[in-house]
Amino acid sequence: MVDIKSGNREEFASLEGKHITCTRFDDVGSRLGDRIQGRDITVMDLSTKTVHVELVETGHRGGISALAFAPDGKTLVSGSEDSQILVWDLATRRRRDRCSGTSAK
């Protein structure tokens, strides 16, 4: 990752060698949500460069293609190729809600 202001490259040891396909910052810019290989989600604390929350076995049956933080910073929403939207409570690491849609094919 590159710091836009300084131009310095930031390294995250916990993400080294992993294939990241979807990234989203929270509204404050202090946390980063990543979809990493498969159907897992990792939320990184940018100030400490450590894992804040890991959501494993998310229940998505397709690759995760979208992430969004709620303005309160306590909720993360994930969308996937299986037309499901899952709502996560980051404090408890539990799914709060699930919405299913139709695929736009």
C-alpha atoms as a PDB file:
ATOM      1  CA  MET A   1       0.000   0.000   0.000  1.00  0.00           C
ATOM      2  CA  VAL A   2       1.212   3.531  -0.714  1.00  0.00           C
ATOM      3  CA  ASP A   3       0.641   6.512   1.588  1.00  0.00           C
ATOM      4  CA  ILE A   4      -0.769   9.180  -0.747  1.00  0.00           C
ATOM      5  CA  LYS A   5       0.594  12.141   1.250  1.00  0.00           C
ATOM      6  CA  SER A   6       4.162  10.927   1.725  1.00  0.00           C
ATOM      7  CA  GLY A   7       4.463   8.562  -1.234  1.00  0.00           C
ATOM      8  CA  ASN A   8       5.942   5.956   1.120  1.00  0.00           C
ATOM      9  CA  ARG A   9       5.128   2.310   0.608  1.00  0.00           C
ATOM     10  CA  GLU A  10       3.517   0.676   3.669  1.00  0.00           C
ATOM     11  CA  GLU A  11       4.030  -3.036   4.313  1.00  0.00           C
ATOM     12  CA  PHE A  12       1.561  -5.308   6.083  1.00  0.00           C
ATOM     13  CA  ALA A  13       3.314  -8.523   7.090  1.00  0.00           C
ATOM     14  CA  SER A  14       0.010 -10.298   7.727  1.00  0.00           C
ATOM     15  CA  LEU A  15      -1.036  -9.709   4.096  1.00  0.00           C
ATOM     16  CA  GLU A  16       2.257 -10.699   2.489  1.00  0.00           C
ATOM     17  CA  GLY A  17       1.831 -13.194  -0.331  1.00  0.00           C
ATOM     18  CA  LYS A  18      -1.974 -13.059  -0.221  1.00  0.00           C
ATOM     19  CA  HIS A  19      -4.171 -12.274  -3.191  1.00  0.00           C
ATOM     20  CA  ILE A  20      -6.399  -9.277  -2.389  1.00  0.00           C
ATOM     21  CA  THR A  21      -9.345  -8.737  -4.725  1.00  0.00           C
ATOM     22  CA  CYS A  22     -11.519  -6.153  -2.965  1.00  0.00           C
ATOM     23  CA  THR A  23     -10.514  -3.269  -0.694  1.00  0.00           C
ATOM     24  CA  ARG A  24     -12.462  -0.560   1.125  1.00  0.00           C
ATOM     25  CA  PHE A  25     -11.458   2.091   3.690  1.00  0.00           C
ATOM     26  CA  ASP A  26     -13.741   3.130   6.538  1.00  0.00           C
ATOM     27  CA  ASP A  27     -15.022   6.737   6.628  1.00  0.00           C
ATOM     28  CA  VAL A  28     -12.257   7.877   8.977  1.00  0.00           C
ATOM     29  CA  GLY A  29      -9.481   6.176   7.037  1.00  0.00           C
ATOM     30  CA  SER A  30      -8.275   4.245  10.080  1.00  0.00           C
ATOM     31  CA  ARG A  31      -9.327   0.773   8.980  1.00  0.00           C
ATOM     32  CA  LEU A  32      -9.091  -1.163   5.767  1.00  0.00           C
ATOM     33  CA  GLY A  33     -11.356  -4.038   4.761  1.00  0.00           C
ATOM     34  CA  ASP A  34      -9.937  -6.650   2.386  1.00  0.00           C
ATOM     35  CA  ARG A  35     -11.380  -9.692   0.722  1.00  0.00           C
ATOM     36  CA  ILE A  36      -8.511 -12.124   0.656  1.00  0.00           C
ATOM     37  CA  GLN A  37      -8.397 -15.399  -1.309  1.00  0.00           C
ATOM     38  CA  GLY A  38     -11.678 -17.223  -1.274  1.00  0.00           C
ATOM     39  CA  ARG A  39     -14.495 -15.973   0.888  1.00  0.00           C
ATOM     40  CA  ASP A  40     -12.705 -14.591   3.960  1.00  0.00           C
ATOM     41  CA  ILE A  41     -12.607 -10.929   5.014  1.00  0.00           C
ATOM     42  CA  THR A  42      -9.832  -9.210   6.964  1.00  0.00           C
ATOM     43  CA  VAL A  43     -10.164  -5.754   8.529  1.00  0.00           C
ATOM     44  CA  MET A  44      -6.784  -4.132   9.189  1.00  0.00           C
ATOM     45  CA  ASP A  45      -6.005  -1.373  11.715  1.00  0.00           C
ATOM     46  CA  LEU A  46      -3.938   1.049   9.632  1.00  0.00           C
ATOM     47  CA  SER A  47      -2.258   2.745  12.598  1.00  0.00           C
ATOM     48  CA  THR A  48      -0.822  -0.485  14.016  1.00  0.00           C
ATOM     49  CA  LYS A  49      -0.709  -2.454  10.721  1.00  0.00           C
ATOM     50  CA  THR A  50      -2.327  -5.396  12.460  1.00  0.00           C
ATOM     51  CA  VAL A  51      -5.443  -7.473  11.916  1.00  0.00           C
ATOM     52  CA  HIS A  52      -8.424  -5.862  13.652  1.00  0.00           C
ATOM     53  CA  VAL A  53     -11.069  -8.453  12.696  1.00  0.00           C
ATOM     54  CA  GLU A  54     -11.039 -11.631  10.614  1.00  0.00           C
ATOM     55  CA  LEU A  55     -14.276 -13.043   9.239  1.00  0.00           C
ATOM     56  CA  VAL A  56     -13.679 -16.624   8.140  1.00  0.00           C
ATOM     57  CA  GLU A  57     -16.271 -18.970   6.647  1.00  0.00           C
ATOM     58  CA  THR A  58     -18.452 -15.977   5.844  1.00  0.00           C
ATOM     59  CA  GLY A  59     -21.255 -17.957   4.248  1.00  0.00           C
ATOM     60  CA  HIS A  60     -20.802 -16.443   0.824  1.00  0.00           C
ATOM     61  CA  ARG A  61     -20.990 -19.090  -1.889  1.00  0.00           C
ATOM     62  CA  GLY A  62     -19.375 -16.851  -4.504  1.00  0.00           C
ATOM     63  CA  GLY A  63     -16.357 -14.603  -4.501  1.00  0.00           C
ATOM     64  CA  ILE A  64     -16.759 -11.406  -2.488  1.00  0.00           C
ATOM     65  CA  SER A  65     -16.890  -8.480  -4.870  1.00  0.00           C
ATOM     66  CA  ALA A  66     -17.896  -5.547  -2.645  1.00  0.00           C
ATOM     67  CA  LEU A  67     -17.269  -4.252   0.885  1.00  0.00           C
ATOM     68  CA  ALA A  68     -18.640  -1.183   2.673  1.00  0.00           C
ATOM     69  CA  PHE A  69     -18.264   0.173   6.197  1.00  0.00           C
ATOM     70  CA  ALA A  70     -21.298   1.785   7.839  1.00  0.00           C
ATOM     71  CA  PRO A  71     -20.705   5.385   9.007  1.00  0.00           C
ATOM     72  CA  ASP A  72     -20.689   4.195  12.638  1.00  0.00           C
ATOM     73  CA  GLY A  73     -17.612   2.052  11.910  1.00  0.00           C
ATOM     74  CA  LYS A  74     -19.158  -0.875  13.777  1.00  0.00           C
ATOM     75  CA  THR A  75     -20.797  -2.543  10.803  1.00  0.00           C
ATOM     76  CA  LEU A  76     -19.367  -4.000   7.603  1.00  0.00           C
ATOM     77  CA  VAL A  77     -21.434  -5.087   4.600  1.00  0.00           C
ATOM     78  CA  SER A  78     -20.149  -7.644   2.097  1.00  0.00           C
ATOM     79  CA  GLY A  79     -21.590  -8.500  -1.300  1.00  0.00           C
ATOM     80  CA  SER A  80     -20.674 -11.463  -3.437  1.00  0.00           C
ATOM     81  CA  GLU A  81     -21.093 -13.077  -6.819  1.00  0.00           C
ATOM     82  CA  ASP A  82     -23.751 -15.356  -5.302  1.00  0.00           C
ATOM     83  CA  SER A  83     -26.118 -12.327  -5.124  1.00  0.00           C
ATOM     84  CA  GLN A  84     -26.002 -12.233  -1.322  1.00  0.00           C
ATOM     85  CA  ILE A  85     -25.398  -9.207   0.857  1.00  0.00           C
ATOM     86  CA  LEU A  86     -24.260  -9.962   4.405  1.00  0.00           C
ATOM     87  CA  VAL A  87     -24.238  -7.452   7.265  1.00  0.00           C
ATOM     88  CA  TRP A  88     -21.553  -7.945   9.939  1.00  0.00           C
ATOM     89  CA  ASP A  89     -21.204  -6.676  13.507  1.00  0.00           C
ATOM     90  CA  LEU A  90     -17.443  -6.096  13.741  1.00  0.00           C
ATOM     91  CA  ALA A  91     -17.364  -6.115  17.557  1.00  0.00           C
ATOM     92  CA  THR A  92     -18.885  -9.602  17.831  1.00  0.00           C
ATOM     93  CA  ARG A  93     -17.648 -10.886  14.433  1.00  0.00           C
ATOM     94  CA  ARG A  94     -21.156 -12.213  13.813  1.00  0.00           C
ATOM     95  CA  ARG A  95     -23.476 -11.859  10.878  1.00  0.00           C
ATOM     96  CA  ARG A  96     -26.447  -9.641  11.730  1.00  0.00           C
ATOM     97  CA  ASP A  97     -28.429  -9.926   8.524  1.00  0.00           C
ATOM     98  CA  ARG A  98     -28.541 -11.510   5.087  1.00  0.00           C
ATOM     99  CA  CYS A  99     -30.239 -10.225   1.945  1.00  0.00           C
ATOM    100  CA  SER A 100     -30.523 -12.193  -1.276  1.00  0.00           C
ATOM    101  CA  GLY A 101     -31.017 -10.636  -4.655  1.00  0.00           C
ATOM    102  CA  THR A 102     -31.105 -11.724  -8.235  1.00  0.00           C
ATOM    103  CA  SER A 103     -28.169 -11.954 -10.512  1.00  0.00           C
ATOM    104  CA  ALA A 104     -27.959  -9.400 -13.329  1.00  0.00           C
ATOM    105  CA  LYS A 105     -27.148 -11.692 -16.247  1.00  0.00           C
END
